[in-house]
Amino acid sequence: MRRVMSTSLATVALVGALGMSSNAMAATPSQARAATVASAETANVDASARKCVKALKWYSANNNRYVRVKNSCSHRVCFKVDVPSSRDPKFTAQARKTKNHRYIGGLWFQGRKIYQVGC
């Protein structure tokens, strides 16, 4: 029964994807150019926003794990710490500040990276 359901869902998804791609091909060249420009502007904004938050130091103290984070932008930024085998904790970094954040107890894995999320 599961195999039948998964096969039918995969077929529906494939047909839907093909239907959407044929509609996208029918776009005029000016619409395609406008979409390319919009995606390039979004990519530039995302790239500049990712440079706001930087992990300066990963360390352990008092049976806890900490990360020292620096926000170099002029606005508040929210970010998460990527911790394996755990839900990623969310933090806020104030504008142009450096602060230590406790992200997990000392018996867990060390964080791998930080990534920016919406506030």
PDB file of N, CA and C in Angstrom:
ATOM      1  N   MET A   1       0.822  -1.196   0.000  1.00  0.00           N
ATOM      2  CA  MET A   1       0.000   0.000   0.000  1.00  0.00           C
ATOM      3  C   MET A   1       0.864   1.257   0.000  1.00  0.00           C
ATOM      4  N   ARG A   2       1.929   1.215   0.821  1.00  0.00           N
ATOM      5  CA  ARG A   2       2.813   2.384   0.869  1.00  0.00           C
ATOM      6  C   ARG A   2       3.503   2.616  -0.468  1.00  0.00           C
ATOM      7  N   ARG A   3       3.895   1.512  -1.117  1.00  0.00           N
ATOM      8  CA  ARG A   3       4.578   1.636  -2.402  1.00  0.00           C
ATOM      9  C   ARG A   3       3.647   2.270  -3.435  1.00  0.00           C
ATOM     10  N   VAL A   4       2.386   1.892  -3.432  1.00  0.00           N
ATOM     11  CA  VAL A   4       1.414   2.453  -4.370  1.00  0.00           C
ATOM     12  C   VAL A   4       1.229   3.947  -4.104  1.00  0.00           C
ATOM     13  N   MET A   5       1.105   4.316  -2.816  1.00  0.00           N
ATOM     14  CA  MET A   5       0.922   5.727  -2.465  1.00  0.00           C
ATOM     15  C   MET A   5       2.147   6.554  -2.843  1.00  0.00           C
ATOM     16  N   SER A   6       3.343   6.032  -2.541  1.00  0.00           N
ATOM     17  CA  SER A   6       4.549   6.801  -2.865  1.00  0.00           C
ATOM     18  C   SER A   6       4.740   6.930  -4.365  1.00  0.00           C
ATOM     19  N   THR A   7       4.408   5.894  -5.109  1.00  0.00           N
ATOM     20  CA  THR A   7       4.518   5.963  -6.567  1.00  0.00           C
ATOM     21  C   THR A   7       3.531   6.971  -7.139  1.00  0.00           C
ATOM     22  N   SER A   8       2.307   6.970  -6.631  1.00  0.00           N
ATOM     23  CA  SER A   8       1.319   7.919  -7.153  1.00  0.00           C
ATOM     24  C   SER A   8       1.692   9.349  -6.785  1.00  0.00           C
ATOM     25  N   LEU A   9       2.203   9.585  -5.567  1.00  0.00           N
ATOM     26  CA  LEU A   9       2.626  10.931  -5.189  1.00  0.00           C
ATOM     27  C   LEU A   9       3.808  11.400  -6.035  1.00  0.00           C
ATOM     28  N   ALA A  10       4.744  10.503  -6.307  1.00  0.00           N
ATOM     29  CA  ALA A  10       5.883  10.864  -7.144  1.00  0.00           C
ATOM     30  C   ALA A  10       5.426  11.207  -8.558  1.00  0.00           C
ATOM     31  N   THR A  11       4.459  10.474  -9.069  1.00  0.00           N
ATOM     32  CA  THR A  11       3.941  10.736 -10.414  1.00  0.00           C
ATOM     33  C   THR A  11       3.244  12.097 -10.456  1.00  0.00           C
ATOM     34  N   VAL A  12       2.446  12.386  -9.464  1.00  0.00           N
ATOM     35  CA  VAL A  12       1.749  13.675  -9.424  1.00  0.00           C
ATOM     36  C   VAL A  12       2.764  14.818  -9.339  1.00  0.00           C
ATOM     37  N   ALA A  13       3.797  14.652  -8.519  1.00  0.00           N
ATOM     38  CA  ALA A  13       4.812  15.693  -8.388  1.00  0.00           C
ATOM     39  C   ALA A  13       5.564  15.895  -9.703  1.00  0.00           C
ATOM     40  N   LEU A  14       5.877  14.808 -10.391  1.00  0.00           N
ATOM     41  CA  LEU A  14       6.592  14.901 -11.668  1.00  0.00           C
ATOM     42  C   LEU A  14       5.733  15.589 -12.726  1.00  0.00           C
ATOM     43  N   VAL A  15       4.474  15.231 -12.797  1.00  0.00           N
ATOM     44  CA  VAL A  15       3.578  15.857 -13.777  1.00  0.00           C
ATOM     45  C   VAL A  15       3.411  17.340 -13.457  1.00  0.00           C
ATOM     46  N   GLY A  16       3.292  17.674 -12.178  1.00  0.00           N
ATOM     47  CA  GLY A  16       3.182  19.080 -11.787  1.00  0.00           C
ATOM     48  C   GLY A  16       4.424  19.866 -12.133  1.00  0.00           C
ATOM     49  N   ALA A  17       5.588  19.269 -11.928  1.00  0.00           N
ATOM     50  CA  ALA A  17       6.840  19.951 -12.261  1.00  0.00           C
ATOM     51  C   ALA A  17       6.966  20.167 -13.760  1.00  0.00           C
ATOM     52  N   LEU A  18       6.574  19.183 -14.540  1.00  0.00           N
ATOM     53  CA  LEU A  18       6.635  19.339 -15.997  1.00  0.00           C
ATOM     54  C   LEU A  18       5.654  20.403 -16.470  1.00  0.00           C
ATOM     55  N   GLY A  19       4.496  20.469 -15.849  1.00  0.00           N
ATOM     56  CA  GLY A  19       3.509  21.490 -16.210  1.00  0.00           C
ATOM     57  C   GLY A  19       4.017  22.884 -15.902  1.00  0.00           C
ATOM     58  N   MET A  20       4.692  23.042 -14.771  1.00  0.00           N
ATOM     59  CA  MET A  20       5.235  24.353 -14.407  1.00  0.00           C
ATOM     60  C   MET A  20       6.384  24.753 -15.314  1.00  0.00           C
ATOM     61  N   SER A  21       7.212  23.782 -15.698  1.00  0.00           N
ATOM     62  CA  SER A  21       8.345  24.120 -16.553  1.00  0.00           C
ATOM     63  C   SER A  21       7.882  24.520 -17.948  1.00  0.00           C
ATOM     64  N   SER A  22       6.791  23.932 -18.443  1.00  0.00           N
ATOM     65  CA  SER A  22       6.299  24.333 -19.754  1.00  0.00           C
ATOM     66  C   SER A  22       5.726  25.748 -19.700  1.00  0.00           C
ATOM     67  N   ASN A  23       5.114  26.128 -18.558  1.00  0.00           N
ATOM     68  CA  ASN A  23       4.622  27.494 -18.409  1.00  0.00           C
ATOM     69  C   ASN A  23       5.781  28.474 -18.324  1.00  0.00           C
ATOM     70  N   ALA A  24       6.860  28.086 -17.679  1.00  0.00           N
ATOM     71  CA  ALA A  24       8.018  28.963 -17.558  1.00  0.00           C
ATOM     72  C   ALA A  24       8.683  29.173 -18.912  1.00  0.00           C
ATOM     73  N   MET A  25       8.647  28.129 -19.769  1.00  0.00           N
ATOM     74  CA  MET A  25       9.248  28.261 -21.095  1.00  0.00           C
ATOM     75  C   MET A  25       8.442  29.196 -21.975  1.00  0.00           C
ATOM     76  N   ALA A  26       7.175  29.358 -21.687  1.00  0.00           N
ATOM     77  CA  ALA A  26       6.317  30.204 -22.507  1.00  0.00           C
ATOM     78  C   ALA A  26       6.497  31.688 -22.189  1.00  0.00           C
ATOM     79  N   ALA A  27       7.334  32.026 -21.221  1.00  0.00           N
ATOM     80  CA  ALA A  27       7.546  33.429 -20.859  1.00  0.00           C
ATOM     81  C   ALA A  27       8.279  34.155 -21.984  1.00  0.00           C
ATOM     82  N   THR A  28       7.977  35.433 -22.117  1.00  0.00           N
ATOM     83  CA  THR A  28       8.641  36.232 -23.133  1.00  0.00           C
ATOM     84  C   THR A  28      10.071  36.530 -22.691  1.00  0.00           C
ATOM     85  N   PRO A  29      10.965  36.896 -23.607  1.00  0.00           N
ATOM     86  CA  PRO A  29      12.345  37.203 -23.228  1.00  0.00           C
ATOM     87  C   PRO A  29      12.454  38.352 -22.234  1.00  0.00           C
ATOM     88  N   SER A  30      11.564  39.356 -22.330  1.00  0.00           N
ATOM     89  CA  SER A  30      11.630  40.469 -21.387  1.00  0.00           C
ATOM     90  C   SER A  30      11.247  40.019 -19.980  1.00  0.00           C
ATOM     91  N   GLN A  31      10.274  39.109 -19.862  1.00  0.00           N
ATOM     92  CA  GLN A  31       9.906  38.577 -18.550  1.00  0.00           C
ATOM     93  C   GLN A  31      11.046  37.751 -17.969  1.00  0.00           C
ATOM     94  N   ALA A  32      11.701  36.977 -18.814  1.00  0.00           N
ATOM     95  CA  ALA A  32      12.823  36.163 -18.348  1.00  0.00           C
ATOM     96  C   ALA A  32      13.968  37.058 -17.883  1.00  0.00           C
ATOM     97  N   ARG A  33      14.238  38.143 -18.614  1.00  0.00           N
ATOM     98  CA  ARG A  33      15.299  39.073 -18.247  1.00  0.00           C
ATOM     99  C   ARG A  33      14.982  39.755 -16.914  1.00  0.00           C
ATOM    100  N   ALA A  34      13.720  40.149 -16.717  1.00  0.00           N
ATOM    101  CA  ALA A  34      13.310  40.784 -15.461  1.00  0.00           C
ATOM    102  C   ALA A  34      13.450  39.823 -14.285  1.00  0.00           C
ATOM    103  N   ALA A  35      13.113  38.560 -14.499  1.00  0.00           N
ATOM    104  CA  ALA A  35      13.247  37.561 -13.440  1.00  0.00           C
ATOM    105  C   ALA A  35      14.716  37.344 -13.087  1.00  0.00           C
ATOM    106  N   THR A  36      15.595  37.355 -14.105  1.00  0.00           N
ATOM    107  CA  THR A  36      17.023  37.181 -13.859  1.00  0.00           C
ATOM    108  C   THR A  36      17.587  38.345 -13.064  1.00  0.00           C
ATOM    109  N   VAL A  37      17.183  39.553 -13.399  1.00  0.00           N
ATOM    110  CA  VAL A  37      17.649  40.738 -12.681  1.00  0.00           C
ATOM    111  C   VAL A  37      17.163  40.704 -11.233  1.00  0.00           C
ATOM    112  N   ALA A  38      15.900  40.324 -11.023  1.00  0.00           N
ATOM    113  CA  ALA A  38      15.351  40.261  -9.663  1.00  0.00           C
ATOM    114  C   ALA A  38      16.079  39.219  -8.825  1.00  0.00           C
ATOM    115  N   SER A  39      16.375  38.060  -9.415  1.00  0.00           N
ATOM    116  CA  SER A  39      17.074  37.024  -8.644  1.00  0.00           C
ATOM    117  C   SER A  39      18.509  37.440  -8.356  1.00  0.00           C
ATOM    118  N   ALA A  40      19.144  38.178  -9.257  1.00  0.00           N
ATOM    119  CA  ALA A  40      20.499  38.660  -9.020  1.00  0.00           C
ATOM    120  C   ALA A  40      20.514  39.682  -7.883  1.00  0.00           C
ATOM    121  N   GLU A  41      19.518  40.564  -7.843  1.00  0.00           N
ATOM    122  CA  GLU A  41      19.449  41.545  -6.755  1.00  0.00           C
ATOM    123  C   GLU A  41      19.215  40.856  -5.419  1.00  0.00           C
ATOM    124  N   THR A  42      18.360  39.838  -5.405  1.00  0.00           N
ATOM    125  CA  THR A  42      18.109  39.087  -4.175  1.00  0.00           C
ATOM    126  C   THR A  42      19.373  38.378  -3.722  1.00  0.00           C
ATOM    127  N   ALA A  43      20.120  37.811  -4.654  1.00  0.00           N
ATOM    128  CA  ALA A  43      21.366  37.128  -4.305  1.00  0.00           C
ATOM    129  C   ALA A  43      22.368  38.108  -3.716  1.00  0.00           C
ATOM    130  N   ASN A  44      22.452  39.323  -4.259  1.00  0.00           N
ATOM    131  CA  ASN A  44      23.376  40.318  -3.721  1.00  0.00           C
ATOM    132  C   ASN A  44      22.983  40.723  -2.307  1.00  0.00           C
ATOM    133  N   VAL A  45      21.695  40.897  -2.062  1.00  0.00           N
ATOM    134  CA  VAL A  45      21.230  41.262  -0.719  1.00  0.00           C
ATOM    135  C   VAL A  45      21.545  40.136   0.253  1.00  0.00           C
ATOM    136  N   ASP A  46      21.273  38.884  -0.141  1.00  0.00           N
ATOM    137  CA  ASP A  46      21.548  37.745   0.731  1.00  0.00           C
ATOM    138  C   ASP A  46      23.036  37.626   1.020  1.00  0.00           C
ATOM    139  N   ALA A  47      23.871  37.848   0.000  1.00  0.00           N
ATOM    140  CA  ALA A  47      25.315  37.740   0.197  1.00  0.00           C
ATOM    141  C   ALA A  47      25.824  38.817   1.144  1.00  0.00           C
ATOM    142  N   SER A  48      25.301  40.035   1.032  1.00  0.00           N
ATOM    143  CA  SER A  48      25.740  41.095   1.932  1.00  0.00           C
ATOM    144  C   SER A  48      25.196  40.879   3.337  1.00  0.00           C
ATOM    145  N   ALA A  49      24.003  40.299   3.456  1.00  0.00           N
ATOM    146  CA  ALA A  49      23.428  40.051   4.772  1.00  0.00           C
ATOM    147  C   ALA A  49      24.185  38.948   5.496  1.00  0.00           C
ATOM    148  N   ARG A  50      24.671  37.947   4.777  1.00  0.00           N
ATOM    149  CA  ARG A  50      25.415  36.859   5.403  1.00  0.00           C
ATOM    150  C   ARG A  50      26.721  37.330   5.998  1.00  0.00           C
ATOM    151  N   LYS A  51      27.254  38.421   5.521  1.00  0.00           N
ATOM    152  CA  LYS A  51      28.519  38.925   6.026  1.00  0.00           C
ATOM    153  C   LYS A  51      28.352  39.683   7.339  1.00  0.00           C
ATOM    154  N   CYS A  52      27.124  39.891   7.782  1.00  0.00           N
ATOM    155  CA  CYS A  52      26.878  40.653   9.012  1.00  0.00           C
ATOM    156  C   CYS A  52      27.370  39.912  10.243  1.00  0.00           C
ATOM    157  N   VAL A  53      27.054  38.641  10.370  1.00  0.00           N
ATOM    158  CA  VAL A  53      27.345  37.879  11.570  1.00  0.00           C
ATOM    159  C   VAL A  53      28.549  36.979  11.331  1.00  0.00           C
ATOM    160  N   LYS A  54      29.471  37.004  12.294  1.00  0.00           N
ATOM    161  CA  LYS A  54      30.683  36.202  12.156  1.00  0.00           C
ATOM    162  C   LYS A  54      31.012  35.562  13.495  1.00  0.00           C
ATOM    163  N   ALA A  55      31.315  34.266  13.486  1.00  0.00           N
ATOM    164  CA  ALA A  55      31.718  33.562  14.701  1.00  0.00           C
ATOM    165  C   ALA A  55      33.208  33.820  14.922  1.00  0.00           C
ATOM    166  N   LEU A  56      33.537  34.445  16.035  1.00  0.00           N
ATOM    167  CA  LEU A  56      34.930  34.757  16.333  1.00  0.00           C
ATOM    168  C   LEU A  56      35.624  33.637  17.090  1.00  0.00           C
ATOM    169  N   LYS A  57      34.894  32.982  18.011  1.00  0.00           N
ATOM    170  CA  LYS A  57      35.534  31.981  18.852  1.00  0.00           C
ATOM    171  C   LYS A  57      34.504  30.962  19.336  1.00  0.00           C
ATOM    172  N   TRP A  58      34.861  29.681  19.278  1.00  0.00           N
ATOM    173  CA  TRP A  58      34.053  28.601  19.832  1.00  0.00           C
ATOM    174  C   TRP A  58      34.795  28.103  21.066  1.00  0.00           C
ATOM    175  N   TYR A  59      34.130  28.020  22.235  1.00  0.00           N
ATOM    176  CA  TYR A  59      34.831  27.567  23.430  1.00  0.00           C
ATOM    177  C   TYR A  59      33.855  26.961  24.439  1.00  0.00           C
ATOM    178  N   SER A  60      34.432  26.253  25.437  1.00  0.00           N
ATOM    179  CA  SER A  60      33.662  25.660  26.527  1.00  0.00           C
ATOM    180  C   SER A  60      34.097  26.313  27.830  1.00  0.00           C
ATOM    181  N   ALA A  61      33.131  26.570  28.718  1.00  0.00           N
ATOM    182  CA  ALA A  61      33.420  27.123  30.036  1.00  0.00           C
ATOM    183  C   ALA A  61      32.270  26.752  30.972  1.00  0.00           C
ATOM    184  N   ASN A  62      32.610  26.337  32.202  1.00  0.00           N
ATOM    185  CA  ASN A  62      31.614  25.989  33.219  1.00  0.00           C
ATOM    186  C   ASN A  62      30.589  24.971  32.725  1.00  0.00           C
ATOM    187  N   ASN A  63      31.056  23.930  32.056  1.00  0.00           N
ATOM    188  CA  ASN A  63      30.190  22.864  31.530  1.00  0.00           C
ATOM    189  C   ASN A  63      29.157  23.359  30.520  1.00  0.00           C
ATOM    190  N   ASN A  64      29.447  24.386  29.807  1.00  0.00           N
ATOM    191  CA  ASN A  64      28.576  24.904  28.752  1.00  0.00           C
ATOM    192  C   ASN A  64      29.415  25.199  27.517  1.00  0.00           C
ATOM    193  N   ARG A  65      28.749  25.256  26.383  1.00  0.00           N
ATOM    194  CA  ARG A  65      29.428  25.608  25.133  1.00  0.00           C
ATOM    195  C   ARG A  65      28.979  27.002  24.718  1.00  0.00           C
ATOM    196  N   TYR A  66      29.950  27.812  24.312  1.00  0.00           N
ATOM    197  CA  TYR A  66      29.707  29.196  23.950  1.00  0.00           C
ATOM    198  C   TYR A  66      30.266  29.497  22.561  1.00  0.00           C
ATOM    199  N   VAL A  67      29.706  30.512  21.945  1.00  0.00           N
ATOM    200  CA  VAL A  67      30.247  31.055  20.703  1.00  0.00           C
ATOM    201  C   VAL A  67      30.281  32.575  20.854  1.00  0.00           C
ATOM    202  N   ARG A  68      31.392  33.169  20.489  1.00  0.00           N
ATOM    203  CA  ARG A  68      31.515  34.634  20.490  1.00  0.00           C
ATOM    204  C   ARG A  68      31.182  35.105  19.086  1.00  0.00           C
ATOM    205  N   VAL A  69      30.178  35.969  18.992  1.00  0.00           N
ATOM    206  CA  VAL A  69      29.657  36.412  17.697  1.00  0.00           C
ATOM    207  C   VAL A  69      29.797  37.911  17.579  1.00  0.00           C
ATOM    208  N   LYS A  70      30.196  38.355  16.383  1.00  0.00           N
ATOM    209  CA  LYS A  70      30.308  39.777  16.096  1.00  0.00           C
ATOM    210  C   LYS A  70      29.348  40.139  14.972  1.00  0.00           C
ATOM    211  N   ASN A  71      28.544  41.176  15.208  1.00  0.00           N
ATOM    212  CA  ASN A  71      27.650  41.706  14.182  1.00  0.00           C
ATOM    213  C   ASN A  71      28.266  43.004  13.668  1.00  0.00           C
ATOM    214  N   SER A  72      28.650  43.018  12.416  1.00  0.00           N
ATOM    215  CA  SER A  72      29.305  44.197  11.847  1.00  0.00           C
ATOM    216  C   SER A  72      28.342  45.112  11.099  1.00  0.00           C
ATOM    217  N   CYS A  73      27.066  44.779  11.073  1.00  0.00           N
ATOM    218  CA  CYS A  73      26.081  45.604  10.366  1.00  0.00           C
ATOM    219  C   CYS A  73      25.449  46.619  11.311  1.00  0.00           C
ATOM    220  N   SER A  74      24.738  47.569  10.722  1.00  0.00           N
ATOM    221  CA  SER A  74      24.121  48.642  11.501  1.00  0.00           C
ATOM    222  C   SER A  74      22.679  48.319  11.890  1.00  0.00           C
ATOM    223  N   HIS A  75      22.297  47.053  11.812  1.00  0.00           N
ATOM    224  CA  HIS A  75      20.952  46.645  12.209  1.00  0.00           C
ATOM    225  C   HIS A  75      21.027  45.319  12.964  1.00  0.00           C
ATOM    226  N   ARG A  76      19.947  45.009  13.674  1.00  0.00           N
ATOM    227  CA  ARG A  76      19.864  43.768  14.440  1.00  0.00           C
ATOM    228  C   ARG A  76      19.783  42.577  13.492  1.00  0.00           C
ATOM    229  N   VAL A  77      20.441  41.483  13.833  1.00  0.00           N
ATOM    230  CA  VAL A  77      20.470  40.301  12.992  1.00  0.00           C
ATOM    231  C   VAL A  77      20.142  39.079  13.849  1.00  0.00           C
ATOM    232  N   CYS A  78      19.315  38.182  13.323  1.00  0.00           N
ATOM    233  CA  CYS A  78      19.014  36.925  14.004  1.00  0.00           C
ATOM    234  C   CYS A  78      19.795  35.804  13.324  1.00  0.00           C
ATOM    235  N   PHE A  79      20.262  34.859  14.124  1.00  0.00           N
ATOM    236  CA  PHE A  79      21.044  33.753  13.582  1.00  0.00           C
ATOM    237  C   PHE A  79      20.815  32.504  14.409  1.00  0.00           C
ATOM    238  N   LYS A  80      21.185  31.365  13.842  1.00  0.00           N
ATOM    239  CA  LYS A  80      21.105  30.086  14.534  1.00  0.00           C
ATOM    240  C   LYS A  80      22.489  29.449  14.533  1.00  0.00           C
ATOM    241  N   VAL A  81      22.728  28.639  15.564  1.00  0.00           N
ATOM    242  CA  VAL A  81      23.965  27.879  15.658  1.00  0.00           C
ATOM    243  C   VAL A  81      23.657  26.460  15.194  1.00  0.00           C
ATOM    244  N   ASP A  82      24.422  25.964  14.236  1.00  0.00           N
ATOM    245  CA  ASP A  82      24.217  24.619  13.704  1.00  0.00           C
ATOM    246  C   ASP A  82      24.896  23.625  14.638  1.00  0.00           C
ATOM    247  N   VAL A  83      24.078  22.840  15.358  1.00  0.00           N
ATOM    248  CA  VAL A  83      24.576  21.841  16.298  1.00  0.00           C
ATOM    249  C   VAL A  83      24.123  20.471  15.819  1.00  0.00           C
ATOM    250  N   PRO A  84      25.054  19.534  15.596  1.00  0.00           N
ATOM    251  CA  PRO A  84      24.634  18.206  15.153  1.00  0.00           C
ATOM    252  C   PRO A  84      23.826  17.493  16.235  1.00  0.00           C
ATOM    253  N   SER A  85      22.859  16.704  15.835  1.00  0.00           N
ATOM    254  CA  SER A  85      22.015  15.902  16.726  1.00  0.00           C
ATOM    255  C   SER A  85      21.222  16.742  17.713  1.00  0.00           C
ATOM    256  N   SER A  86      20.872  17.954  17.356  1.00  0.00           N
ATOM    257  CA  SER A  86      20.099  18.802  18.253  1.00  0.00           C
ATOM    258  C   SER A  86      19.351  19.854  17.452  1.00  0.00           C
ATOM    259  N   ARG A  87      18.296  20.414  18.065  1.00  0.00           N
ATOM    260  CA  ARG A  87      17.587  21.521  17.435  1.00  0.00           C
ATOM    261  C   ARG A  87      18.477  22.760  17.508  1.00  0.00           C
ATOM    262  N   ASP A  88      18.551  23.517  16.442  1.00  0.00           N
ATOM    263  CA  ASP A  88      19.438  24.674  16.386  1.00  0.00           C
ATOM    264  C   ASP A  88      18.856  25.842  17.178  1.00  0.00           C
ATOM    265  N   PRO A  89      19.577  26.316  18.204  1.00  0.00           N
ATOM    266  CA  PRO A  89      19.080  27.452  18.986  1.00  0.00           C
ATOM    267  C   PRO A  89      19.179  28.766  18.216  1.00  0.00           C
ATOM    268  N   LYS A  90      18.206  29.657  18.440  1.00  0.00           N
ATOM    269  CA  LYS A  90      18.142  30.934  17.727  1.00  0.00           C
ATOM    270  C   LYS A  90      18.544  32.067  18.665  1.00  0.00           C
ATOM    271  N   PHE A  91      19.344  33.002  18.148  1.00  0.00           N
ATOM    272  CA  PHE A  91      19.830  34.134  18.921  1.00  0.00           C
ATOM    273  C   PHE A  91      19.671  35.422  18.125  1.00  0.00           C
ATOM    274  N   THR A  92      19.820  36.548  18.826  1.00  0.00           N
ATOM    275  CA  THR A  92      19.790  37.865  18.203  1.00  0.00           C
ATOM    276  C   THR A  92      21.077  38.590  18.529  1.00  0.00           C
ATOM    277  N   ALA A  93      21.678  39.198  17.523  1.00  0.00           N
ATOM    278  CA  ALA A  93      22.884  39.997  17.717  1.00  0.00           C
ATOM    279  C   ALA A  93      22.532  41.455  17.462  1.00  0.00           C
ATOM    280  N   GLN A  94      22.793  42.300  18.454  1.00  0.00           N
ATOM    281  CA  GLN A  94      22.506  43.725  18.320  1.00  0.00           C
ATOM    282  C   GLN A  94      23.481  44.373  17.335  1.00  0.00           C
ATOM    283  N   ALA A  95      23.124  45.523  16.829  1.00  0.00           N
ATOM    284  CA  ALA A  95      23.918  46.216  15.814  1.00  0.00           C
ATOM    285  C   ALA A  95      25.298  46.578  16.348  1.00  0.00           C
ATOM    286  N   ARG A  96      26.307  46.236  15.560  1.00  0.00           N
ATOM    287  CA  ARG A  96      27.706  46.588  15.852  1.00  0.00           C
ATOM    288  C   ARG A  96      28.140  46.190  17.263  1.00  0.00           C
ATOM    289  N   LYS A  97      27.810  44.962  17.673  1.00  0.00           N
ATOM    290  CA  LYS A  97      28.170  44.465  18.994  1.00  0.00           C
ATOM    291  C   LYS A  97      28.854  43.106  18.873  1.00  0.00           C
ATOM    292  N   THR A  98      29.668  42.797  19.863  1.00  0.00           N
ATOM    293  CA  THR A  98      30.270  41.474  20.001  1.00  0.00           C
ATOM    294  C   THR A  98      29.769  40.899  21.319  1.00  0.00           C
ATOM    295  N   LYS A  99      29.258  39.663  21.270  1.00  0.00           N
ATOM    296  CA  LYS A  99      28.666  39.080  22.473  1.00  0.00           C
ATOM    297  C   LYS A  99      28.882  37.573  22.480  1.00  0.00           C
ATOM    298  N   ASN A 100      28.985  37.006  23.688  1.00  0.00           N
ATOM    299  CA  ASN A 100      29.094  35.558  23.859  1.00  0.00           C
ATOM    300  C   ASN A 100      27.696  34.978  24.047  1.00  0.00           C
ATOM    301  N   HIS A 101      27.419  33.867  23.359  1.00  0.00           N
ATOM    302  CA  HIS A 101      26.118  33.213  23.450  1.00  0.00           C
ATOM    303  C   HIS A 101      26.318  31.774  23.899  1.00  0.00           C
ATOM    304  N   ARG A 102      25.578  31.361  24.945  1.00  0.00           N
ATOM    305  CA  ARG A 102      25.592  29.967  25.390  1.00  0.00           C
ATOM    306  C   ARG A 102      24.584  29.222  24.532  1.00  0.00           C
ATOM    307  N   TYR A 103      25.046  28.225  23.791  1.00  0.00           N
ATOM    308  CA  TYR A 103      24.126  27.565  22.877  1.00  0.00           C
ATOM    309  C   TYR A 103      23.766  26.151  23.277  1.00  0.00           C
ATOM    310  N   ILE A 104      24.529  25.499  24.169  1.00  0.00           N
ATOM    311  CA  ILE A 104      24.184  24.128  24.558  1.00  0.00           C
ATOM    312  C   ILE A 104      25.025  23.725  25.757  1.00  0.00           C
ATOM    313  N   GLY A 105      24.607  22.671  26.448  1.00  0.00           N
ATOM    314  CA  GLY A 105      25.371  22.159  27.581  1.00  0.00           C
ATOM    315  C   GLY A 105      26.689  21.545  27.137  1.00  0.00           C
ATOM    316  N   GLY A 106      27.590  21.353  28.069  1.00  0.00           N
ATOM    317  CA  GLY A 106      28.942  20.901  27.755  1.00  0.00           C
ATOM    318  C   GLY A 106      29.060  19.471  27.289  1.00  0.00           C
ATOM    319  N   LEU A 107      28.053  18.630  27.540  1.00  0.00           N
ATOM    320  CA  LEU A 107      28.142  17.225  27.161  1.00  0.00           C
ATOM    321  C   LEU A 107      27.695  16.979  25.726  1.00  0.00           C
ATOM    322  N   TRP A 108      27.258  18.002  25.025  1.00  0.00           N
ATOM    323  CA  TRP A 108      26.809  17.855  23.648  1.00  0.00           C
ATOM    324  C   TRP A 108      27.927  18.202  22.685  1.00  0.00           C
ATOM    325  N   PHE A 109      27.650  18.017  21.407  1.00  0.00           N
ATOM    326  CA  PHE A 109      28.622  18.314  20.360  1.00  0.00           C
ATOM    327  C   PHE A 109      28.863  19.814  20.244  1.00  0.00           C
ATOM    328  N   GLN A 110      30.036  20.149  19.742  1.00  0.00           N
ATOM    329  CA  GLN A 110      30.341  21.560  19.493  1.00  0.00           C
ATOM    330  C   GLN A 110      29.617  22.014  18.223  1.00  0.00           C
ATOM    331  N   GLY A 111      29.212  23.280  18.186  1.00  0.00           N
ATOM    332  CA  GLY A 111      28.531  23.823  17.015  1.00  0.00           C
ATOM    333  C   GLY A 111      29.457  23.831  15.804  1.00  0.00           C
ATOM    334  N   ARG A 112      28.867  23.680  14.626  1.00  0.00           N
ATOM    335  CA  ARG A 112      29.659  23.641  13.395  1.00  0.00           C
ATOM    336  C   ARG A 112      29.781  25.002  12.744  1.00  0.00           C
ATOM    337  N   LYS A 113      28.671  25.744  12.703  1.00  0.00           N
ATOM    338  CA  LYS A 113      28.684  27.040  12.029  1.00  0.00           C
ATOM    339  C   LYS A 113      27.498  27.840  12.524  1.00  0.00           C
ATOM    340  N   ILE A 114      27.446  29.100  12.135  1.00  0.00           N
ATOM    341  CA  ILE A 114      26.271  29.927  12.389  1.00  0.00           C
ATOM    342  C   ILE A 114      25.706  30.341  11.050  1.00  0.00           C
ATOM    343  N   TYR A 115      24.399  30.491  11.001  1.00  0.00           N
ATOM    344  CA  TYR A 115      23.753  30.951   9.775  1.00  0.00           C
ATOM    345  C   TYR A 115      22.630  31.909  10.131  1.00  0.00           C
ATOM    346  N   GLN A 116      22.445  32.863   9.251  1.00  0.00           N
ATOM    347  CA  GLN A 116      21.485  33.929   9.481  1.00  0.00           C
ATOM    348  C   GLN A 116      20.077  33.476   9.125  1.00  0.00           C
ATOM    349  N   VAL A 117      19.107  33.889   9.962  1.00  0.00           N
ATOM    350  CA  VAL A 117      17.697  33.594   9.718  1.00  0.00           C
ATOM    351  C   VAL A 117      16.911  34.893   9.904  1.00  0.00           C
ATOM    352  N   GLY A 118      15.673  34.880   9.498  1.00  0.00           N
ATOM    353  CA  GLY A 118      14.829  36.049   9.672  1.00  0.00           C
ATOM    354  C   GLY A 118      14.431  36.241  11.125  1.00  0.00           C
ATOM    355  N   CYS A 119      14.259  37.486  11.520  1.00  0.00           N
ATOM    356  CA  CYS A 119      13.895  37.789  12.921  1.00  0.00           C
ATOM    357  C   CYS A 119      12.396  37.717  13.128  1.00  0.00           C
TER     358      CYS A 119
END
